[in-house]
Amino acid sequence: MQLSAHFSLDEMLVTSKTSFAQAQKAYSERPEIRQALISLCETVLEPVRAHVGRAIRVNSGLRCPELNAATAGASATSQHTLGQAADICVPGWTDAQLRELWKWIGWQSGLPFGQAISEDKRPDQEGGAWVHISLGTPWREAKRCGQRLTWDPTNKYRTWSQPP
């Protein structure tokens, strides 16, 4: 099932933990989850893809509660569990290019995002970076929207008011 012009339900359900595949599929059939996924794809991911000018890969989209609990480092209040967030990368791009994409999302795009996080669990190796992006209002409380963060290997978040 297509959620938008370039994003399918299947790619929003991708997980390396195959034992959760059935739970993911069943959870995605909830109307509020499906609507959030459609909004995420249309409102945020499609404009990012248009800016990049090529396909982007969703590393993690929807996470059913069981999968989220089994995902190391996942927040219990993650918007992933509501179909409102995706971790993305661009095949062939360097970590530095992904950080520039994060800056574009956070300061230039005008996208109505909740959080834009530049994440890199392996700063000493190329290929570890991705960008987390989530829906803003009405999906997330307005005062918690437009958050621009980086995540460092000590598992700490840093908030940015202007580009680094």
N, C-alpha and C. Protein backbone atom coordinates (compact mmCIF):
# COMPACT_ATOMS: atom_id res chain seq x y z
N MET A 1 0.84 -1.19 0.00
CA MET A 1 0.00 0.00 0.00
C MET A 1 0.88 1.25 0.00
N GLN A 2 0.59 2.17 -0.90
CA GLN A 2 1.30 3.44 -0.96
C GLN A 2 0.70 4.40 0.07
N LEU A 3 1.57 5.04 0.85
CA LEU A 3 1.15 6.06 1.81
C LEU A 3 1.24 7.44 1.19
N SER A 4 2.15 7.58 0.22
CA SER A 4 2.33 8.83 -0.51
C SER A 4 2.96 8.47 -1.86
N ALA A 5 3.30 9.45 -2.63
CA ALA A 5 3.83 9.18 -3.97
C ALA A 5 5.07 8.28 -3.96
N HIS A 6 5.95 8.44 -2.98
CA HIS A 6 7.21 7.70 -2.99
C HIS A 6 7.44 6.80 -1.78
N PHE A 7 6.47 6.70 -0.88
CA PHE A 7 6.66 5.90 0.33
C PHE A 7 5.53 4.91 0.51
N SER A 8 5.93 3.67 0.81
CA SER A 8 4.95 2.60 0.99
C SER A 8 4.84 2.22 2.47
N LEU A 9 3.74 1.56 2.79
CA LEU A 9 3.56 1.05 4.14
C LEU A 9 4.68 0.07 4.48
N ASP A 10 5.03 -0.80 3.54
CA ASP A 10 6.07 -1.80 3.80
C ASP A 10 7.38 -1.17 4.26
N GLU A 11 7.79 -0.07 3.63
CA GLU A 11 9.07 0.52 4.05
C GLU A 11 8.96 1.22 5.39
N MET A 12 7.76 1.60 5.79
CA MET A 12 7.58 2.20 7.12
C MET A 12 7.55 1.14 8.22
N LEU A 13 7.42 -0.13 7.84
CA LEU A 13 7.37 -1.24 8.81
C LEU A 13 8.67 -2.01 8.90
N VAL A 14 9.67 -1.65 8.13
CA VAL A 14 10.93 -2.39 8.06
C VAL A 14 11.57 -2.49 9.45
N THR A 15 12.00 -3.70 9.78
CA THR A 15 12.77 -3.93 11.00
C THR A 15 13.68 -5.14 10.78
N SER A 16 14.83 -5.10 11.41
CA SER A 16 15.72 -6.26 11.36
C SER A 16 15.27 -7.35 12.33
N LYS A 17 14.37 -6.99 13.22
CA LYS A 17 13.84 -7.95 14.19
C LYS A 17 12.59 -8.60 13.59
N THR A 18 12.79 -9.59 12.75
CA THR A 18 11.71 -10.20 11.97
C THR A 18 10.63 -10.86 12.83
N SER A 19 10.95 -11.18 14.06
CA SER A 19 9.93 -11.79 14.93
C SER A 19 8.79 -10.81 15.24
N PHE A 20 8.98 -9.53 14.95
CA PHE A 20 7.94 -8.53 15.21
C PHE A 20 7.14 -8.18 13.96
N ALA A 21 7.40 -8.83 12.84
CA ALA A 21 6.76 -8.47 11.58
C ALA A 21 5.24 -8.53 11.66
N GLN A 22 4.69 -9.57 12.22
CA GLN A 22 3.23 -9.69 12.30
C GLN A 22 2.64 -8.64 13.23
N ALA A 23 3.28 -8.39 14.35
CA ALA A 23 2.80 -7.36 15.28
C ALA A 23 2.84 -5.99 14.63
N GLN A 24 3.91 -5.73 13.86
CA GLN A 24 4.04 -4.46 13.14
C GLN A 24 2.88 -4.28 12.16
N LYS A 25 2.62 -5.32 11.38
CA LYS A 25 1.55 -5.26 10.37
C LYS A 25 0.20 -5.02 11.03
N ALA A 26 -0.11 -5.78 12.08
CA ALA A 26 -1.39 -5.62 12.77
C ALA A 26 -1.52 -4.23 13.38
N TYR A 27 -0.46 -3.75 13.99
CA TYR A 27 -0.49 -2.43 14.63
C TYR A 27 -0.70 -1.32 13.60
N SER A 28 -0.13 -1.50 12.40
CA SER A 28 -0.24 -0.48 11.35
C SER A 28 -1.65 -0.35 10.81
N GLU A 29 -2.51 -1.32 11.09
CA GLU A 29 -3.89 -1.27 10.59
C GLU A 29 -4.80 -0.41 11.44
N ARG A 30 -4.33 0.04 12.59
CA ARG A 30 -5.13 0.93 13.43
C ARG A 30 -5.31 2.25 12.68
N PRO A 31 -6.54 2.76 12.59
CA PRO A 31 -6.79 3.98 11.79
C PRO A 31 -5.94 5.18 12.20
N GLU A 32 -5.75 5.39 13.48
CA GLU A 32 -4.96 6.55 13.92
C GLU A 32 -3.49 6.40 13.55
N ILE A 33 -3.00 5.17 13.54
CA ILE A 33 -1.62 4.91 13.14
C ILE A 33 -1.47 5.13 11.64
N ARG A 34 -2.39 4.58 10.88
CA ARG A 34 -2.33 4.72 9.42
C ARG A 34 -2.39 6.19 9.02
N GLN A 35 -3.27 6.97 9.65
CA GLN A 35 -3.38 8.40 9.32
C GLN A 35 -2.09 9.13 9.66
N ALA A 36 -1.47 8.80 10.79
CA ALA A 36 -0.21 9.44 11.16
C ALA A 36 0.88 9.11 10.14
N LEU A 37 0.95 7.85 9.71
CA LEU A 37 1.95 7.45 8.72
C LEU A 37 1.76 8.20 7.41
N ILE A 38 0.53 8.35 6.98
CA ILE A 38 0.24 9.09 5.75
C ILE A 38 0.69 10.54 5.92
N SER A 39 0.35 11.14 7.04
CA SER A 39 0.75 12.53 7.29
C SER A 39 2.27 12.67 7.34
N LEU A 40 2.95 11.74 7.99
CA LEU A 40 4.41 11.77 8.06
C LEU A 40 5.01 11.73 6.65
N CYS A 41 4.51 10.83 5.83
CA CYS A 41 5.05 10.70 4.47
C CYS A 41 4.75 11.93 3.62
N GLU A 42 3.52 12.41 3.68
CA GLU A 42 3.14 13.55 2.83
C GLU A 42 3.71 14.87 3.32
N THR A 43 3.70 15.10 4.62
CA THR A 43 4.06 16.39 5.20
C THR A 43 5.56 16.59 5.38
N VAL A 44 6.25 15.48 5.68
CA VAL A 44 7.67 15.60 6.01
C VAL A 44 8.58 14.86 5.02
N LEU A 45 8.32 13.58 4.82
CA LEU A 45 9.26 12.79 4.01
C LEU A 45 9.26 13.17 2.53
N GLU A 46 8.10 13.43 1.96
CA GLU A 46 8.07 13.84 0.54
C GLU A 46 8.84 15.14 0.31
N PRO A 47 8.64 16.19 1.14
CA PRO A 47 9.44 17.39 0.93
C PRO A 47 10.95 17.17 1.12
N VAL A 48 11.34 16.29 2.05
CA VAL A 48 12.75 15.99 2.22
C VAL A 48 13.28 15.30 0.97
N ARG A 49 12.52 14.35 0.45
CA ARG A 49 12.94 13.65 -0.78
C ARG A 49 13.07 14.63 -1.94
N ALA A 50 12.12 15.55 -2.06
CA ALA A 50 12.18 16.54 -3.13
C ALA A 50 13.43 17.42 -3.00
N HIS A 51 13.77 17.79 -1.78
CA HIS A 51 14.97 18.61 -1.56
C HIS A 51 16.22 17.83 -1.93
N VAL A 52 16.29 16.57 -1.53
CA VAL A 52 17.45 15.73 -1.79
C VAL A 52 17.56 15.43 -3.29
N GLY A 53 16.42 15.30 -3.95
CA GLY A 53 16.41 15.03 -5.38
C GLY A 53 16.62 13.58 -5.74
N ARG A 54 16.47 12.70 -4.77
CA ARG A 54 16.62 11.26 -5.00
C ARG A 54 15.97 10.51 -3.85
N ALA A 55 15.93 9.20 -3.97
CA ALA A 55 15.30 8.37 -2.95
C ALA A 55 16.00 8.51 -1.61
N ILE A 56 15.21 8.49 -0.56
CA ILE A 56 15.76 8.40 0.79
C ILE A 56 15.32 7.05 1.36
N ARG A 57 16.10 6.53 2.29
CA ARG A 57 15.78 5.24 2.89
C ARG A 57 15.29 5.44 4.32
N VAL A 58 14.19 4.78 4.63
CA VAL A 58 13.68 4.79 5.99
C VAL A 58 14.33 3.62 6.72
N ASN A 59 15.14 3.93 7.72
CA ASN A 59 15.79 2.90 8.53
C ASN A 59 14.84 2.38 9.59
N SER A 60 14.02 3.27 10.10
CA SER A 60 13.06 2.92 11.15
C SER A 60 11.89 3.88 11.04
N GLY A 61 10.72 3.32 10.84
CA GLY A 61 9.51 4.13 10.80
C GLY A 61 8.64 3.76 11.99
N LEU A 62 7.51 3.15 11.71
CA LEU A 62 6.62 2.71 12.78
C LEU A 62 7.27 1.61 13.61
N ARG A 63 7.12 1.71 14.92
CA ARG A 63 7.52 0.62 15.83
C ARG A 63 6.34 0.30 16.72
N CYS A 64 5.80 -0.91 16.58
CA CYS A 64 4.75 -1.31 17.51
C CYS A 64 5.35 -1.27 18.92
N PRO A 65 4.53 -1.17 19.96
CA PRO A 65 5.07 -1.06 21.32
C PRO A 65 6.04 -2.18 21.69
N GLU A 66 5.78 -3.40 21.23
CA GLU A 66 6.66 -4.52 21.55
C GLU A 66 8.03 -4.34 20.89
N LEU A 67 8.04 -3.92 19.64
CA LEU A 67 9.29 -3.69 18.94
C LEU A 67 10.04 -2.53 19.58
N ASN A 68 9.33 -1.46 19.92
CA ASN A 68 9.98 -0.31 20.55
C ASN A 68 10.65 -0.72 21.86
N ALA A 69 9.97 -1.55 22.65
CA ALA A 69 10.53 -2.01 23.92
C ALA A 69 11.78 -2.87 23.71
N ALA A 70 11.84 -3.55 22.58
CA ALA A 70 12.98 -4.42 22.28
C ALA A 70 14.10 -3.70 21.53
N THR A 71 13.92 -2.41 21.26
CA THR A 71 14.91 -1.63 20.52
C THR A 71 15.81 -0.88 21.49
N ALA A 72 17.08 -1.20 21.47
CA ALA A 72 18.04 -0.58 22.37
C ALA A 72 18.04 0.94 22.19
N GLY A 73 17.94 1.66 23.29
CA GLY A 73 18.00 3.11 23.27
C GLY A 73 16.72 3.82 22.89
N ALA A 74 15.67 3.07 22.55
CA ALA A 74 14.41 3.69 22.14
C ALA A 74 13.69 4.28 23.36
N SER A 75 13.13 5.45 23.18
CA SER A 75 12.36 6.10 24.24
C SER A 75 10.99 5.45 24.37
N ALA A 76 10.53 5.29 25.59
CA ALA A 76 9.20 4.72 25.82
C ALA A 76 8.11 5.64 25.28
N THR A 77 8.42 6.92 25.09
CA THR A 77 7.44 7.87 24.58
C THR A 77 7.73 8.26 23.12
N SER A 78 8.48 7.43 22.43
CA SER A 78 8.88 7.71 21.05
C SER A 78 7.68 7.92 20.13
N GLN A 79 7.80 8.91 19.26
CA GLN A 79 6.77 9.13 18.25
C GLN A 79 6.76 8.01 17.21
N HIS A 80 7.82 7.21 17.17
CA HIS A 80 7.83 6.03 16.29
C HIS A 80 6.66 5.11 16.64
N THR A 81 6.30 5.00 17.91
CA THR A 81 5.23 4.09 18.32
C THR A 81 3.85 4.59 17.90
N LEU A 82 3.79 5.83 17.46
CA LEU A 82 2.52 6.42 17.02
C LEU A 82 2.47 6.60 15.51
N GLY A 83 3.51 6.15 14.81
CA GLY A 83 3.58 6.32 13.36
C GLY A 83 3.91 7.74 12.96
N GLN A 84 4.52 8.49 13.88
CA GLN A 84 4.76 9.91 13.67
C GLN A 84 6.22 10.27 13.47
N ALA A 85 7.10 9.28 13.33
CA ALA A 85 8.53 9.58 13.20
C ALA A 85 9.21 8.57 12.29
N ALA A 86 10.31 9.01 11.69
CA ALA A 86 11.12 8.12 10.86
C ALA A 86 12.59 8.49 11.03
N ASP A 87 13.43 7.47 10.99
CA ASP A 87 14.87 7.66 10.92
C ASP A 87 15.24 7.41 9.46
N ILE A 88 15.93 8.37 8.87
CA ILE A 88 16.21 8.29 7.44
C ILE A 88 17.69 8.49 7.13
N CYS A 89 18.08 8.00 5.97
CA CYS A 89 19.39 8.30 5.41
C CYS A 89 19.23 8.37 3.90
N VAL A 90 20.27 8.78 3.24
CA VAL A 90 20.28 8.85 1.79
C VAL A 90 21.39 7.92 1.32
N PRO A 91 21.04 6.84 0.63
CA PRO A 91 22.08 5.91 0.17
C PRO A 91 23.17 6.63 -0.62
N GLY A 92 24.41 6.33 -0.25
CA GLY A 92 25.55 6.94 -0.92
C GLY A 92 26.02 8.25 -0.32
N TRP A 93 25.26 8.79 0.61
CA TRP A 93 25.67 10.05 1.23
C TRP A 93 26.59 9.81 2.41
N THR A 94 27.48 10.75 2.63
CA THR A 94 28.38 10.70 3.77
C THR A 94 27.65 11.19 5.01
N ASP A 95 28.27 10.94 6.16
CA ASP A 95 27.71 11.44 7.42
C ASP A 95 27.62 12.97 7.39
N ALA A 96 28.64 13.62 6.82
CA ALA A 96 28.64 15.09 6.74
C ALA A 96 27.47 15.58 5.90
N GLN A 97 27.17 14.90 4.80
CA GLN A 97 26.03 15.30 3.97
C GLN A 97 24.72 15.14 4.74
N LEU A 98 24.61 14.08 5.53
CA LEU A 98 23.39 13.88 6.33
C LEU A 98 23.26 14.96 7.40
N ARG A 99 24.39 15.41 7.97
CA ARG A 99 24.31 16.50 8.94
C ARG A 99 23.86 17.79 8.26
N GLU A 100 24.26 17.99 7.01
CA GLU A 100 23.79 19.17 6.27
C GLU A 100 22.29 19.06 5.99
N LEU A 101 21.81 17.85 5.71
CA LEU A 101 20.37 17.65 5.53
C LEU A 101 19.63 18.00 6.81
N TRP A 102 20.15 17.56 7.95
CA TRP A 102 19.55 17.90 9.24
C TRP A 102 19.48 19.42 9.43
N LYS A 103 20.55 20.12 9.07
CA LYS A 103 20.56 21.59 9.18
C LYS A 103 19.50 22.20 8.27
N TRP A 104 19.37 21.67 7.06
CA TRP A 104 18.35 22.19 6.14
C TRP A 104 16.96 21.98 6.73
N ILE A 105 16.69 20.78 7.23
CA ILE A 105 15.38 20.50 7.83
C ILE A 105 15.12 21.46 8.99
N GLY A 106 16.11 21.61 9.87
CA GLY A 106 15.92 22.38 11.08
C GLY A 106 15.84 23.88 10.92
N TRP A 107 16.54 24.43 9.93
CA TRP A 107 16.60 25.88 9.85
C TRP A 107 16.15 26.49 8.53
N GLN A 108 16.07 25.73 7.47
CA GLN A 108 15.76 26.33 6.18
C GLN A 108 14.48 25.82 5.55
N SER A 109 14.07 24.61 5.87
CA SER A 109 13.00 23.94 5.13
C SER A 109 11.61 24.51 5.36
N GLY A 110 11.37 25.04 6.55
CA GLY A 110 10.02 25.49 6.88
C GLY A 110 9.06 24.34 7.17
N LEU A 111 9.58 23.13 7.27
CA LEU A 111 8.73 21.97 7.54
C LEU A 111 8.16 22.03 8.96
N PRO A 112 6.92 21.59 9.13
CA PRO A 112 6.28 21.61 10.45
C PRO A 112 6.66 20.37 11.27
N PHE A 113 7.94 20.28 11.66
CA PHE A 113 8.41 19.09 12.35
C PHE A 113 8.31 19.22 13.87
N GLY A 114 8.27 18.07 14.52
CA GLY A 114 8.32 18.04 15.97
C GLY A 114 9.76 18.04 16.43
N GLN A 115 10.52 17.05 15.96
CA GLN A 115 11.94 16.95 16.26
C GLN A 115 12.71 16.66 14.98
N ALA A 116 13.89 17.26 14.88
CA ALA A 116 14.87 16.91 13.87
C ALA A 116 16.14 16.62 14.64
N ILE A 117 16.60 15.38 14.55
CA ILE A 117 17.77 14.97 15.33
C ILE A 117 18.83 14.40 14.39
N SER A 118 20.03 14.94 14.48
CA SER A 118 21.18 14.38 13.77
C SER A 118 21.78 13.34 14.70
N GLU A 119 21.74 12.08 14.27
CA GLU A 119 22.20 11.00 15.13
C GLU A 119 23.37 10.27 14.50
N ASP A 120 24.34 9.96 15.34
CA ASP A 120 25.52 9.23 14.88
C ASP A 120 26.05 8.40 16.02
N LYS A 121 25.82 7.11 15.95
CA LYS A 121 26.30 6.22 17.01
C LYS A 121 27.74 5.80 16.82
N ARG A 122 28.31 6.08 15.63
CA ARG A 122 29.69 5.69 15.36
C ARG A 122 30.46 6.86 14.77
N PRO A 123 30.76 7.88 15.58
CA PRO A 123 31.42 9.06 15.02
C PRO A 123 32.82 8.78 14.49
N ASP A 124 33.44 7.68 14.91
CA ASP A 124 34.77 7.35 14.44
C ASP A 124 34.75 6.57 13.13
N GLN A 125 33.54 6.24 12.64
CA GLN A 125 33.41 5.48 11.40
C GLN A 125 32.43 6.18 10.47
N GLU A 126 32.73 6.18 9.21
CA GLU A 126 31.80 6.72 8.22
C GLU A 126 30.64 5.75 8.06
N GLY A 127 29.45 6.27 7.86
CA GLY A 127 28.30 5.42 7.60
C GLY A 127 27.40 5.16 8.79
N GLY A 128 27.62 5.82 9.90
CA GLY A 128 26.79 5.57 11.07
C GLY A 128 25.70 6.59 11.30
N ALA A 129 25.65 7.63 10.50
CA ALA A 129 24.71 8.73 10.76
C ALA A 129 23.34 8.50 10.14
N TRP A 130 22.34 9.12 10.74
CA TRP A 130 21.01 9.19 10.17
C TRP A 130 20.32 10.42 10.74
N VAL A 131 19.18 10.74 10.18
CA VAL A 131 18.39 11.87 10.66
C VAL A 131 17.04 11.33 11.13
N HIS A 132 16.68 11.70 12.35
CA HIS A 132 15.35 11.40 12.90
C HIS A 132 14.50 12.64 12.65
N ILE A 133 13.31 12.42 12.12
CA ILE A 133 12.38 13.53 11.93
C ILE A 133 10.99 13.07 12.32
N SER A 134 10.26 13.95 13.02
CA SER A 134 8.92 13.59 13.47
C SER A 134 7.93 14.69 13.13
N LEU A 135 6.67 14.32 13.21
CA LEU A 135 5.59 15.26 12.94
C LEU A 135 5.47 16.30 14.05
N GLY A 136 5.09 17.50 13.64
CA GLY A 136 4.80 18.57 14.59
C GLY A 136 3.31 18.63 14.86
N THR A 137 2.80 19.82 15.13
CA THR A 137 1.37 19.96 15.42
C THR A 137 0.55 19.55 14.21
N PRO A 138 -0.60 19.00 14.39
CA PRO A 138 -1.32 18.75 15.63
C PRO A 138 -0.94 17.43 16.30
N TRP A 139 0.05 16.76 15.79
CA TRP A 139 0.44 15.45 16.30
C TRP A 139 1.26 15.55 17.58
N ARG A 140 1.94 16.64 17.75
CA ARG A 140 2.81 16.87 18.91
C ARG A 140 2.47 18.23 19.47
N GLU A 141 2.50 18.34 20.77
CA GLU A 141 2.20 19.59 21.45
C GLU A 141 3.06 20.72 20.89
N ALA A 142 2.43 21.85 20.57
CA ALA A 142 3.11 22.96 19.89
C ALA A 142 4.38 23.41 20.61
N LYS A 143 4.36 23.48 21.92
CA LYS A 143 5.54 23.95 22.64
C LYS A 143 6.71 22.97 22.56
N ARG A 144 6.44 21.75 22.10
CA ARG A 144 7.50 20.75 21.94
C ARG A 144 7.87 20.55 20.47
N CYS A 145 7.43 21.44 19.60
CA CYS A 145 7.73 21.33 18.17
C CYS A 145 8.93 22.19 17.80
N GLY A 146 9.53 21.85 16.67
CA GLY A 146 10.68 22.60 16.18
C GLY A 146 11.95 22.33 16.97
N GLN A 147 12.01 21.19 17.67
CA GLN A 147 13.21 20.85 18.43
C GLN A 147 14.30 20.37 17.48
N ARG A 148 15.49 20.97 17.61
CA ARG A 148 16.65 20.60 16.81
C ARG A 148 17.70 20.06 17.76
N LEU A 149 18.02 18.78 17.58
CA LEU A 149 18.94 18.14 18.50
C LEU A 149 20.02 17.36 17.77
N THR A 150 21.11 17.12 18.46
CA THR A 150 22.11 16.16 18.01
C THR A 150 22.23 15.12 19.11
N TRP A 151 22.64 13.94 18.70
CA TRP A 151 22.86 12.85 19.65
C TRP A 151 24.30 12.42 19.54
N ASP A 152 24.99 12.34 20.69
CA ASP A 152 26.39 11.95 20.64
C ASP A 152 26.60 10.55 21.22
N PRO A 153 27.80 9.99 21.02
CA PRO A 153 28.03 8.60 21.41
C PRO A 153 27.97 8.34 22.92
N THR A 154 27.93 9.38 23.72
CA THR A 154 27.77 9.17 25.16
C THR A 154 26.30 9.09 25.54
N ASN A 155 25.43 8.97 24.50
CA ASN A 155 23.99 8.86 24.68
C ASN A 155 23.38 10.11 25.29
N LYS A 156 23.89 11.26 24.86
CA LYS A 156 23.37 12.53 25.35
C LYS A 156 22.84 13.35 24.18
N TYR A 157 21.74 14.03 24.43
CA TYR A 157 21.17 14.91 23.44
C TYR A 157 21.60 16.34 23.72
N ARG A 158 21.81 17.08 22.66
CA ARG A 158 22.13 18.50 22.77
C ARG A 158 21.14 19.25 21.89
N THR A 159 20.57 20.31 22.44
CA THR A 159 19.60 21.13 21.71
C THR A 159 20.33 22.32 21.07
N TRP A 160 19.91 22.64 19.84
CA TRP A 160 20.52 23.72 19.09
C TRP A 160 19.47 24.78 18.75
N SER A 161 19.78 26.05 19.01
CA SER A 161 18.87 27.13 18.61
C SER A 161 19.29 27.72 17.26
N GLN A 162 20.55 27.52 16.90
CA GLN A 162 21.05 27.93 15.59
C GLN A 162 21.98 26.85 15.07
N PRO A 163 22.21 26.81 13.78
CA PRO A 163 23.04 25.73 13.23
C PRO A 163 24.46 25.74 13.80
N PRO A 164 24.99 24.56 14.07
CA PRO A 164 26.37 24.48 14.57
C PRO A 164 27.38 24.85 13.49
